[in-house]
Structure formats: C-alpha cells, structure tokens
C-alpha cells in the first residue's frame, strides 16, 4: 500500500488503513441484522406502550395518585416518561403523591388528637374533628383537581403540626 493510505501512530508501531473499516464485512452484516431485530422489538414495545398510553384517562390516573409515580407507571404498564406526558396533557404539572401523603399524615395526627381530646375537652375535640373533616374534603378535591394548591389554612395546620413534633422530639433529648 502507498504511504497515503497508511497511518502510523507514533510510539504504537501499528499500521492502520483509514479506507478500511476496523472490522470485517461479515461481522458488520451480523451486527446490523441483530441491531434490526432489537430495533424491531423496541418499536413493537413502543407501539404497544403508545396504544396503552392513548387509552389512559384521568380517572385511571386518579386511582394511583396515592402511590409514587414510578409505582403508578409500573401498575399502568407504561413508561415513566409516557406517564408524565399524559399528566401534562391533563394539566397535572406534578404528580400529587406527596401532597396526598402529607394530607393523610395530618388526618392521622388529627384522629389521634380527637381521641385524646374526647377524654379532656369535648369542645376542643369537636373543633379538631371539624379540621379533620376539612382535610378529608381537601384530599377529595385534590384527587379531582390534582393541579390545585393546598389551602393556606391547611399549610398553617401542617406547619403547626411539624413544629409540635419538632418541639416534642427536642424535649425528649
């Protein structure tokens, strides 16, 4: 071969022909056919996933709002990105799992408080029970409209509960 078609790397002692591929033609045709097979199966899975995704309605998503988005995508048998795109189509900017989990925790805390206050002061117990009912109605509204913000009263209640927990832990130490 002429010197134009060869490249000699300094220090390596290898002669490379830049006009030839680094692998044989047979291995190229094998790898292309296996690549075509895998791309066909990938296209099939994408098609089936898009069919499933096109059938997903908002009512289907509501069932899984109390789960993390990864778990919901597994149960709906679609990819995470597909589920997020569907959420954006329905106007849901963020998956509401954390809000619902927060409301569930507050409701549980208020249930415990109602039981404790029933023994001491029934008027306070009724006030706490009304707050609990307000949180339950907000949770239902959040499931109907997952894009809505928590009410300011709920945010204040959450902050108070967190402060009380923090102070209780600090006093134990």
N, C-alpha and C. Protein backbone atom coordinates (compact mmCIF):
# COMPACT_ATOMS: atom_id res chain seq x y z
N UNK A 1 0.84 -1.18 0.00
CA UNK A 1 0.00 0.00 0.00
C UNK A 1 0.87 1.23 0.00
N UNK A 2 0.29 2.28 -0.47
CA UNK A 2 1.06 3.51 -0.51
C UNK A 2 1.06 4.17 0.86
N UNK A 3 1.95 5.12 1.04
CA UNK A 3 2.08 5.80 2.32
C UNK A 3 0.89 6.69 2.61
N UNK A 4 0.15 7.10 1.57
CA UNK A 4 -1.01 7.97 1.76
C UNK A 4 -2.12 7.21 2.49
N UNK A 5 -2.30 5.92 2.23
CA UNK A 5 -3.38 5.14 2.81
C UNK A 5 -3.05 4.56 4.17
N UNK A 6 -1.84 4.74 4.60
CA UNK A 6 -1.46 4.18 5.89
C UNK A 6 -1.21 5.30 6.90
N UNK A 7 -1.52 5.00 8.13
CA UNK A 7 -1.26 5.95 9.19
C UNK A 7 -0.44 5.23 10.24
N UNK A 8 0.64 5.80 10.59
CA UNK A 8 1.48 5.20 11.60
C UNK A 8 1.40 6.07 12.84
N UNK A 9 0.93 5.45 13.92
CA UNK A 9 0.84 6.19 15.17
C UNK A 9 2.21 6.16 15.83
N UNK A 10 2.67 7.30 16.25
CA UNK A 10 3.98 7.33 16.89
C UNK A 10 3.93 6.59 18.23
N UNK A 11 4.88 5.73 18.44
CA UNK A 11 5.01 5.02 19.70
C UNK A 11 4.21 3.72 19.76
N UNK A 12 3.25 3.50 18.84
CA UNK A 12 2.44 2.30 18.89
C UNK A 12 2.93 1.23 17.92
N UNK A 13 3.50 1.63 16.84
CA UNK A 13 4.01 0.67 15.88
C UNK A 13 2.90 -0.02 15.11
N UNK A 14 1.71 0.57 15.03
CA UNK A 14 0.59 -0.02 14.31
C UNK A 14 0.39 0.68 12.98
N UNK A 15 0.11 -0.11 11.96
CA UNK A 15 -0.23 0.46 10.66
C UNK A 15 -1.73 0.34 10.47
N UNK A 16 -2.42 1.44 10.25
CA UNK A 16 -3.86 1.44 10.06
C UNK A 16 -4.19 1.99 8.69
N UNK A 17 -5.11 1.35 8.00
CA UNK A 17 -5.61 1.83 6.72
C UNK A 17 -6.93 2.54 6.99
N UNK A 18 -6.97 3.84 6.78
CA UNK A 18 -8.17 4.62 7.08
C UNK A 18 -9.31 4.37 6.11
N UNK A 19 -9.02 3.74 4.96
CA UNK A 19 -10.07 3.45 3.98
C UNK A 19 -10.80 2.15 4.28
N UNK A 20 -10.33 1.36 5.21
CA UNK A 20 -10.97 0.11 5.55
C UNK A 20 -11.61 0.22 6.94
N UNK A 21 -12.75 -0.41 7.11
CA UNK A 21 -13.36 -0.38 8.45
C UNK A 21 -12.53 -1.21 9.42
N UNK A 22 -12.62 -0.93 10.69
CA UNK A 22 -11.81 -1.65 11.67
C UNK A 22 -12.31 -3.07 11.91
N UNK A 23 -13.40 -3.51 11.28
CA UNK A 23 -13.93 -4.86 11.44
C UNK A 23 -14.28 -5.40 10.07
N UNK A 24 -14.50 -6.68 9.99
CA UNK A 24 -14.76 -7.31 8.71
C UNK A 24 -16.21 -7.06 8.26
N UNK A 25 -16.48 -7.30 6.99
CA UNK A 25 -17.81 -7.10 6.42
C UNK A 25 -18.81 -8.10 7.01
N UNK A 26 -18.36 -9.32 7.31
CA UNK A 26 -19.26 -10.34 7.86
C UNK A 26 -19.75 -9.93 9.25
N UNK A 27 -18.85 -9.42 10.07
CA UNK A 27 -19.28 -9.01 11.40
C UNK A 27 -20.19 -7.80 11.32
N UNK A 28 -19.99 -6.96 10.27
CA UNK A 28 -20.86 -5.80 10.08
C UNK A 28 -22.28 -6.24 9.75
N UNK A 29 -22.43 -7.19 8.84
CA UNK A 29 -23.77 -7.63 8.46
C UNK A 29 -24.46 -8.34 9.62
N UNK A 30 -23.71 -9.10 10.45
CA UNK A 30 -24.29 -9.76 11.62
C UNK A 30 -24.78 -8.74 12.64
N UNK A 31 -23.93 -7.73 12.90
CA UNK A 31 -24.32 -6.74 13.91
C UNK A 31 -25.49 -5.90 13.42
N UNK A 32 -25.56 -5.63 12.09
CA UNK A 32 -26.70 -4.87 11.57
C UNK A 32 -27.98 -5.66 11.66
N UNK A 33 -27.93 -6.96 11.38
CA UNK A 33 -29.15 -7.77 11.46
C UNK A 33 -29.61 -7.89 12.91
N UNK A 34 -28.66 -8.04 13.86
CA UNK A 34 -29.07 -8.12 15.27
C UNK A 34 -29.59 -6.78 15.74
N UNK A 35 -29.01 -5.69 15.22
CA UNK A 35 -29.49 -4.37 15.58
C UNK A 35 -30.90 -4.16 15.03
N UNK A 36 -31.17 -4.65 13.82
CA UNK A 36 -32.50 -4.53 13.24
C UNK A 36 -33.52 -5.33 14.04
N UNK A 37 -33.11 -6.54 14.50
CA UNK A 37 -34.02 -7.35 15.31
C UNK A 37 -34.36 -6.65 16.61
N UNK A 38 -33.35 -6.09 17.27
CA UNK A 38 -33.61 -5.42 18.55
C UNK A 38 -34.39 -4.14 18.33
N UNK A 39 -34.15 -3.43 17.22
CA UNK A 39 -34.91 -2.21 16.97
C UNK A 39 -36.36 -2.54 16.61
N UNK A 40 -36.59 -3.70 15.97
CA UNK A 40 -37.97 -4.11 15.69
C UNK A 40 -38.72 -4.39 16.98
N UNK A 41 -38.07 -5.09 17.92
CA UNK A 41 -38.74 -5.37 19.18
C UNK A 41 -38.94 -4.09 19.99
N UNK A 42 -37.99 -3.16 19.89
CA UNK A 42 -38.14 -1.87 20.59
C UNK A 42 -39.29 -1.08 20.00
N UNK A 43 -39.42 -1.11 18.66
CA UNK A 43 -40.53 -0.41 18.01
C UNK A 43 -41.86 -1.04 18.41
N UNK A 44 -41.89 -2.36 18.50
CA UNK A 44 -43.12 -3.05 18.91
C UNK A 44 -43.53 -2.64 20.32
N UNK A 45 -42.55 -2.61 21.23
CA UNK A 45 -42.88 -2.24 22.61
C UNK A 45 -43.32 -0.79 22.69
N UNK A 46 -42.69 0.09 21.88
CA UNK A 46 -43.11 1.49 21.87
C UNK A 46 -44.52 1.63 21.32
N UNK A 47 -44.84 0.85 20.28
CA UNK A 47 -46.20 0.90 19.72
C UNK A 47 -47.22 0.43 20.73
N UNK A 48 -46.93 -0.70 21.39
CA UNK A 48 -47.89 -1.21 22.37
C UNK A 48 -48.01 -0.26 23.55
N UNK A 49 -46.90 0.35 23.95
CA UNK A 49 -46.94 1.31 25.05
C UNK A 49 -47.74 2.54 24.65
N UNK A 50 -47.61 2.99 23.39
CA UNK A 50 -48.37 4.16 22.96
C UNK A 50 -49.85 3.84 22.86
N UNK A 51 -50.20 2.58 22.52
CA UNK A 51 -51.61 2.19 22.49
C UNK A 51 -52.19 2.23 23.89
N UNK A 52 -51.44 1.70 24.84
CA UNK A 52 -51.89 1.71 26.23
C UNK A 52 -51.99 3.15 26.73
N UNK A 53 -51.01 3.96 26.40
CA UNK A 53 -51.00 5.35 26.85
C UNK A 53 -52.15 6.14 26.25
N UNK A 54 -52.52 5.84 25.03
CA UNK A 54 -53.62 6.58 24.41
C UNK A 54 -54.96 6.24 25.07
N UNK A 55 -55.05 5.08 25.71
CA UNK A 55 -56.29 4.69 26.38
C UNK A 55 -56.40 5.22 27.80
N UNK A 56 -55.31 5.73 28.36
CA UNK A 56 -55.31 6.20 29.74
C UNK A 56 -56.15 7.47 29.85
N UNK A 57 -57.07 7.44 30.80
CA UNK A 57 -57.92 8.60 31.08
C UNK A 57 -57.55 9.15 32.46
N UNK A 58 -58.06 10.33 32.77
CA UNK A 58 -57.78 10.95 34.06
C UNK A 58 -58.29 10.08 35.21
N UNK A 59 -59.41 9.42 35.01
CA UNK A 59 -59.97 8.54 36.05
C UNK A 59 -59.01 7.39 36.37
N UNK A 60 -58.29 6.92 35.34
CA UNK A 60 -57.31 5.86 35.56
C UNK A 60 -56.15 6.36 36.43
N UNK A 61 -55.74 7.60 36.18
CA UNK A 61 -54.62 8.16 36.93
C UNK A 61 -55.00 8.42 38.39
N UNK A 62 -56.25 8.85 38.61
CA UNK A 62 -56.70 9.19 39.96
C UNK A 62 -56.54 8.02 40.92
N UNK A 63 -56.74 6.81 40.43
CA UNK A 63 -56.62 5.62 41.27
C UNK A 63 -55.22 5.46 41.87
N UNK A 64 -54.22 6.00 41.18
CA UNK A 64 -52.83 5.78 41.57
C UNK A 64 -52.17 7.02 42.17
N UNK A 65 -52.93 8.09 42.43
CA UNK A 65 -52.35 9.31 42.99
C UNK A 65 -51.72 9.10 44.36
N UNK A 66 -52.18 8.10 45.10
CA UNK A 66 -51.61 7.88 46.42
C UNK A 66 -50.31 7.07 46.37
N UNK A 67 -49.89 6.66 45.18
CA UNK A 67 -48.64 5.91 45.00
C UNK A 67 -47.57 6.82 44.41
N UNK A 68 -46.29 6.51 44.62
CA UNK A 68 -45.23 7.24 43.91
C UNK A 68 -45.37 7.04 42.40
N UNK A 69 -44.90 7.99 41.64
CA UNK A 69 -45.10 7.96 40.19
C UNK A 69 -44.45 6.74 39.54
N UNK A 70 -43.33 6.28 40.05
CA UNK A 70 -42.68 5.10 39.47
C UNK A 70 -43.56 3.87 39.65
N UNK A 71 -44.14 3.72 40.83
CA UNK A 71 -45.03 2.58 41.09
C UNK A 71 -46.29 2.69 40.23
N UNK A 72 -46.81 3.89 40.07
CA UNK A 72 -48.00 4.08 39.24
C UNK A 72 -47.72 3.72 37.79
N UNK A 73 -46.55 4.10 37.29
CA UNK A 73 -46.22 3.78 35.90
C UNK A 73 -46.09 2.27 35.70
N UNK A 74 -45.57 1.57 36.71
CA UNK A 74 -45.47 0.10 36.62
C UNK A 74 -46.86 -0.52 36.59
N UNK A 75 -47.74 -0.04 37.45
CA UNK A 75 -49.08 -0.62 37.51
C UNK A 75 -49.91 -0.30 36.28
N UNK A 76 -49.66 0.86 35.67
CA UNK A 76 -50.36 1.22 34.44
C UNK A 76 -49.71 0.58 33.21
N UNK A 77 -48.54 -0.02 33.41
CA UNK A 77 -47.77 -0.70 32.35
C UNK A 77 -47.37 0.26 31.24
N UNK A 78 -46.91 1.45 31.65
CA UNK A 78 -46.34 2.42 30.72
C UNK A 78 -45.05 2.94 31.33
N UNK A 79 -44.25 3.55 30.50
CA UNK A 79 -43.00 4.12 30.99
C UNK A 79 -43.25 5.40 31.77
N UNK A 80 -42.26 5.78 32.54
CA UNK A 80 -42.35 6.96 33.37
C UNK A 80 -42.54 8.22 32.52
N UNK A 81 -41.80 8.32 31.45
CA UNK A 81 -41.89 9.49 30.58
C UNK A 81 -43.27 9.58 29.93
N UNK A 82 -43.80 8.44 29.51
CA UNK A 82 -45.13 8.42 28.89
C UNK A 82 -46.17 8.87 29.90
N UNK A 83 -46.05 8.41 31.13
CA UNK A 83 -47.00 8.80 32.17
C UNK A 83 -46.90 10.29 32.45
N UNK A 84 -45.70 10.82 32.49
CA UNK A 84 -45.53 12.25 32.72
C UNK A 84 -46.14 13.06 31.58
N UNK A 85 -45.96 12.59 30.35
CA UNK A 85 -46.56 13.29 29.21
C UNK A 85 -48.07 13.28 29.29
N UNK A 86 -48.63 12.15 29.70
CA UNK A 86 -50.08 12.05 29.87
C UNK A 86 -50.55 13.02 30.95
N UNK A 87 -49.79 13.11 32.03
CA UNK A 87 -50.15 14.04 33.10
C UNK A 87 -50.16 15.48 32.58
N UNK A 88 -49.19 15.83 31.79
CA UNK A 88 -49.14 17.20 31.24
C UNK A 88 -50.33 17.45 30.33
N UNK A 89 -50.77 16.41 29.58
CA UNK A 89 -51.94 16.56 28.73
C UNK A 89 -53.19 16.88 29.56
N UNK A 90 -53.28 16.30 30.75
CA UNK A 90 -54.43 16.52 31.62
C UNK A 90 -54.25 17.76 32.50
N UNK A 91 -53.14 18.46 32.35
CA UNK A 91 -52.90 19.68 33.12
C UNK A 91 -52.35 19.43 34.51
N UNK A 92 -51.71 18.29 34.72
CA UNK A 92 -51.13 17.96 36.03
C UNK A 92 -49.63 18.24 35.94
N UNK A 93 -49.16 19.35 36.51
CA UNK A 93 -47.74 19.67 36.38
C UNK A 93 -46.83 18.79 37.23
N UNK A 94 -47.33 18.32 38.38
CA UNK A 94 -46.55 17.46 39.27
C UNK A 94 -47.42 16.32 39.76
N UNK A 95 -46.82 15.18 39.98
CA UNK A 95 -47.55 14.01 40.49
C UNK A 95 -47.95 14.31 41.93
N UNK A 96 -49.22 14.20 42.30
CA UNK A 96 -49.70 14.67 43.61
C UNK A 96 -49.49 13.72 44.79
N UNK A 97 -48.71 12.69 44.63
CA UNK A 97 -48.49 11.71 45.70
C UNK A 97 -48.05 12.35 47.01
N UNK A 98 -47.12 13.26 46.96
CA UNK A 98 -46.58 13.85 48.19
C UNK A 98 -47.61 14.70 48.91
N UNK A 99 -48.43 15.43 48.15
CA UNK A 99 -49.48 16.23 48.78
C UNK A 99 -50.49 15.33 49.49
N UNK A 100 -50.88 14.27 48.82
CA UNK A 100 -51.86 13.35 49.39
C UNK A 100 -51.28 12.64 50.61
N UNK A 101 -50.01 12.27 50.52
CA UNK A 101 -49.35 11.63 51.65
C UNK A 101 -49.30 12.59 52.84
N UNK A 102 -49.02 13.85 52.59
CA UNK A 102 -48.99 14.86 53.63
C UNK A 102 -50.37 15.01 54.28
N UNK A 103 -51.41 15.07 53.46
CA UNK A 103 -52.78 15.19 54.00
C UNK A 103 -53.16 13.95 54.81
N UNK A 104 -52.76 12.78 54.33
CA UNK A 104 -53.04 11.55 55.09
C UNK A 104 -52.37 11.59 56.47
N UNK A 105 -51.14 12.06 56.51
CA UNK A 105 -50.43 12.17 57.78
C UNK A 105 -51.10 13.15 58.72
N UNK A 106 -51.55 14.29 58.19
CA UNK A 106 -52.24 15.28 59.01
C UNK A 106 -53.57 14.73 59.53
N UNK A 107 -54.28 14.01 58.67
CA UNK A 107 -55.56 13.42 59.08
C UNK A 107 -55.33 12.41 60.20
N UNK A 108 -54.31 11.60 60.06
CA UNK A 108 -53.99 10.62 61.11
C UNK A 108 -53.65 11.32 62.43
N UNK A 109 -52.85 12.38 62.34
CA UNK A 109 -52.47 13.13 63.54
C UNK A 109 -53.71 13.71 64.22
N UNK A 110 -54.63 14.24 63.41
CA UNK A 110 -55.84 14.82 63.99
C UNK A 110 -56.75 13.75 64.58
N UNK A 111 -56.77 12.56 63.99
CA UNK A 111 -57.56 11.46 64.56
C UNK A 111 -57.06 11.11 65.97
N UNK A 112 -55.75 11.05 66.11
CA UNK A 112 -55.16 10.76 67.42
C UNK A 112 -55.50 11.88 68.40
N UNK A 113 -55.43 13.11 67.92
CA UNK A 113 -55.73 14.26 68.78
C UNK A 113 -57.20 14.28 69.20
N UNK A 114 -58.11 13.91 68.29
CA UNK A 114 -59.53 13.86 68.63
C UNK A 114 -59.76 12.84 69.74
N UNK A 115 -59.17 11.67 69.62
CA UNK A 115 -59.32 10.63 70.66
C UNK A 115 -58.80 11.11 72.01
N UNK A 116 -57.68 11.82 71.98
CA UNK A 116 -57.09 12.32 73.22
C UNK A 116 -57.96 13.42 73.83
N UNK A 117 -58.50 14.29 72.98
CA UNK A 117 -59.30 15.42 73.48
C UNK A 117 -60.70 15.00 73.92
N UNK A 118 -61.20 13.89 73.42
CA UNK A 118 -62.52 13.42 73.85
C UNK A 118 -62.56 13.17 75.35
N UNK A 119 -61.45 12.74 75.90
CA UNK A 119 -61.38 12.48 77.33
C UNK A 119 -61.29 13.77 78.14
N UNK A 120 -60.60 14.78 77.58
CA UNK A 120 -60.36 16.01 78.33
C UNK A 120 -61.41 17.09 78.07
N UNK A 121 -61.58 17.45 76.81
CA UNK A 121 -62.42 18.59 76.48
C UNK A 121 -63.19 18.30 75.19
N UNK A 122 -64.48 18.13 75.28
CA UNK A 122 -65.28 17.76 74.11
C UNK A 122 -65.38 18.90 73.10
N UNK A 123 -65.36 20.13 73.55
CA UNK A 123 -65.44 21.28 72.63
C UNK A 123 -64.20 21.32 71.74
N UNK A 124 -63.04 21.11 72.33
CA UNK A 124 -61.79 21.09 71.56
C UNK A 124 -61.80 19.89 70.61
N UNK A 125 -62.33 18.77 71.08
CA UNK A 125 -62.40 17.57 70.24
C UNK A 125 -63.28 17.83 69.02
N UNK A 126 -64.36 18.55 69.18
CA UNK A 126 -65.24 18.88 68.04
C UNK A 126 -64.53 19.80 67.05
N UNK A 127 -63.76 20.76 67.57
CA UNK A 127 -63.01 21.67 66.69
C UNK A 127 -61.97 20.90 65.89
N UNK A 128 -61.26 19.99 66.55
CA UNK A 128 -60.24 19.18 65.87
C UNK A 128 -60.91 18.28 64.84
N UNK A 129 -62.09 17.73 65.18
CA UNK A 129 -62.81 16.86 64.24
C UNK A 129 -63.24 17.65 63.01
N UNK A 130 -63.62 18.91 63.19
CA UNK A 130 -64.01 19.72 62.02
C UNK A 130 -62.79 20.00 61.13
N UNK A 131 -61.63 20.21 61.75
CA UNK A 131 -60.39 20.39 60.95
C UNK A 131 -60.08 19.11 60.16
N UNK A 132 -60.27 17.97 60.81
CA UNK A 132 -60.03 16.68 60.15
C UNK A 132 -60.96 16.52 58.95
N UNK A 133 -62.22 16.89 59.14
CA UNK A 133 -63.19 16.79 58.05
C UNK A 133 -62.81 17.73 56.90
N UNK A 134 -62.31 18.93 57.24
CA UNK A 134 -61.87 19.87 56.22
C UNK A 134 -60.71 19.27 55.41
N UNK A 135 -59.77 18.60 56.10
CA UNK A 135 -58.64 17.98 55.40
C UNK A 135 -59.10 16.85 54.49
N UNK A 136 -60.06 16.06 54.95
CA UNK A 136 -60.58 14.97 54.12
C UNK A 136 -61.27 15.50 52.87
N UNK A 137 -62.01 16.60 53.01
CA UNK A 137 -62.66 17.18 51.83
C UNK A 137 -61.62 17.77 50.87
N UNK A 138 -60.55 18.35 51.44
CA UNK A 138 -59.48 18.88 50.58
C UNK A 138 -58.76 17.75 49.85
N UNK A 139 -58.59 16.62 50.52
CA UNK A 139 -57.96 15.46 49.88
C UNK A 139 -58.81 14.99 48.70
N UNK A 140 -60.14 14.94 48.90
CA UNK A 140 -61.04 14.56 47.80
C UNK A 140 -60.97 15.55 46.65
N UNK A 141 -60.90 16.84 46.98
CA UNK A 141 -60.79 17.87 45.93
C UNK A 141 -59.47 17.75 45.19
N UNK A 142 -58.42 17.40 45.94
CA UNK A 142 -57.10 17.25 45.32
C UNK A 142 -57.09 16.09 44.34
N UNK A 143 -57.83 15.04 44.65
CA UNK A 143 -57.91 13.90 43.72
C UNK A 143 -58.71 14.28 42.48
N UNK A 144 -59.69 15.15 42.63
CA UNK A 144 -60.46 15.60 41.45
C UNK A 144 -59.69 16.61 40.63
N UNK A 145 -58.96 17.50 41.32
CA UNK A 145 -58.17 18.54 40.65
C UNK A 145 -56.74 18.48 41.17
N UNK A 146 -55.91 17.58 40.63
CA UNK A 146 -54.56 17.37 41.17
C UNK A 146 -53.62 18.55 40.98
N UNK A 147 -53.99 19.53 40.20
CA UNK A 147 -53.12 20.67 39.95
C UNK A 147 -53.32 21.79 40.97
N UNK A 148 -54.32 21.64 41.86
CA UNK A 148 -54.61 22.72 42.81
C UNK A 148 -53.60 22.75 43.95
N UNK A 149 -53.42 23.94 44.51
CA UNK A 149 -52.53 24.14 45.65
C UNK A 149 -53.27 23.81 46.93
N UNK A 150 -52.52 23.51 47.98
CA UNK A 150 -53.13 23.32 49.29
C UNK A 150 -53.63 24.67 49.79
N UNK A 151 -54.71 24.64 50.55
CA UNK A 151 -55.26 25.88 51.10
C UNK A 151 -54.30 26.44 52.13
N UNK A 152 -54.35 27.75 52.33
CA UNK A 152 -53.45 28.39 53.28
C UNK A 152 -53.71 27.89 54.70
N UNK A 153 -54.97 27.61 55.04
CA UNK A 153 -55.29 27.08 56.36
C UNK A 153 -54.64 25.70 56.56
N UNK A 154 -54.64 24.89 55.51
CA UNK A 154 -54.00 23.58 55.59
C UNK A 154 -52.49 23.72 55.76
N UNK A 155 -51.91 24.66 55.05
CA UNK A 155 -50.47 24.89 55.17
C UNK A 155 -50.10 25.33 56.58
N UNK A 156 -50.93 26.21 57.19
CA UNK A 156 -50.67 26.65 58.55
C UNK A 156 -50.80 25.49 59.54
N UNK A 157 -51.82 24.66 59.34
CA UNK A 157 -52.01 23.50 60.20
C UNK A 157 -50.83 22.54 60.10
N UNK A 158 -50.37 22.31 58.87
CA UNK A 158 -49.22 21.44 58.66
C UNK A 158 -47.98 21.98 59.37
N UNK A 159 -47.78 23.29 59.26
CA UNK A 159 -46.63 23.92 59.91
C UNK A 159 -46.73 23.78 61.43
N UNK A 160 -47.92 23.97 61.98
CA UNK A 160 -48.11 23.82 63.43
C UNK A 160 -47.81 22.39 63.89
N UNK A 161 -48.30 21.42 63.12
CA UNK A 161 -48.08 20.02 63.49
C UNK A 161 -46.59 19.69 63.44
N UNK A 162 -45.89 20.16 62.41
CA UNK A 162 -44.46 19.90 62.31
C UNK A 162 -43.69 20.56 63.46
N UNK A 163 -44.11 21.77 63.82
CA UNK A 163 -43.43 22.45 64.93
C UNK A 163 -43.63 21.69 66.24
N UNK A 164 -44.86 21.24 66.47
CA UNK A 164 -45.14 20.48 67.69
C UNK A 164 -44.32 19.19 67.74
N UNK A 165 -44.22 18.51 66.61
CA UNK A 165 -43.39 17.29 66.57
C UNK A 165 -41.94 17.58 66.86
N UNK A 166 -41.45 18.66 66.27
CA UNK A 166 -40.06 19.03 66.48
C UNK A 166 -39.80 19.36 67.95
N UNK A 167 -40.68 20.15 68.55
CA UNK A 167 -40.52 20.52 69.95
C UNK A 167 -40.62 19.30 70.87
N UNK A 168 -41.52 18.37 70.53
CA UNK A 168 -41.65 17.17 71.34
C UNK A 168 -40.37 16.34 71.27
N UNK A 169 -39.77 16.22 70.10
CA UNK A 169 -38.51 15.49 69.96
C UNK A 169 -37.39 16.21 70.69
N UNK A 170 -37.38 17.54 70.60
CA UNK A 170 -36.31 18.32 71.24
C UNK A 170 -36.41 18.19 72.76
N UNK A 171 -37.62 18.11 73.29
CA UNK A 171 -37.79 17.98 74.75
C UNK A 171 -37.35 16.61 75.24
N UNK A 172 -37.50 15.59 74.41
CA UNK A 172 -37.10 14.23 74.79
C UNK A 172 -35.59 14.08 74.90
N UNK A 173 -34.88 14.86 74.13
CA UNK A 173 -33.42 14.75 74.06
C UNK A 173 -32.75 15.37 75.24
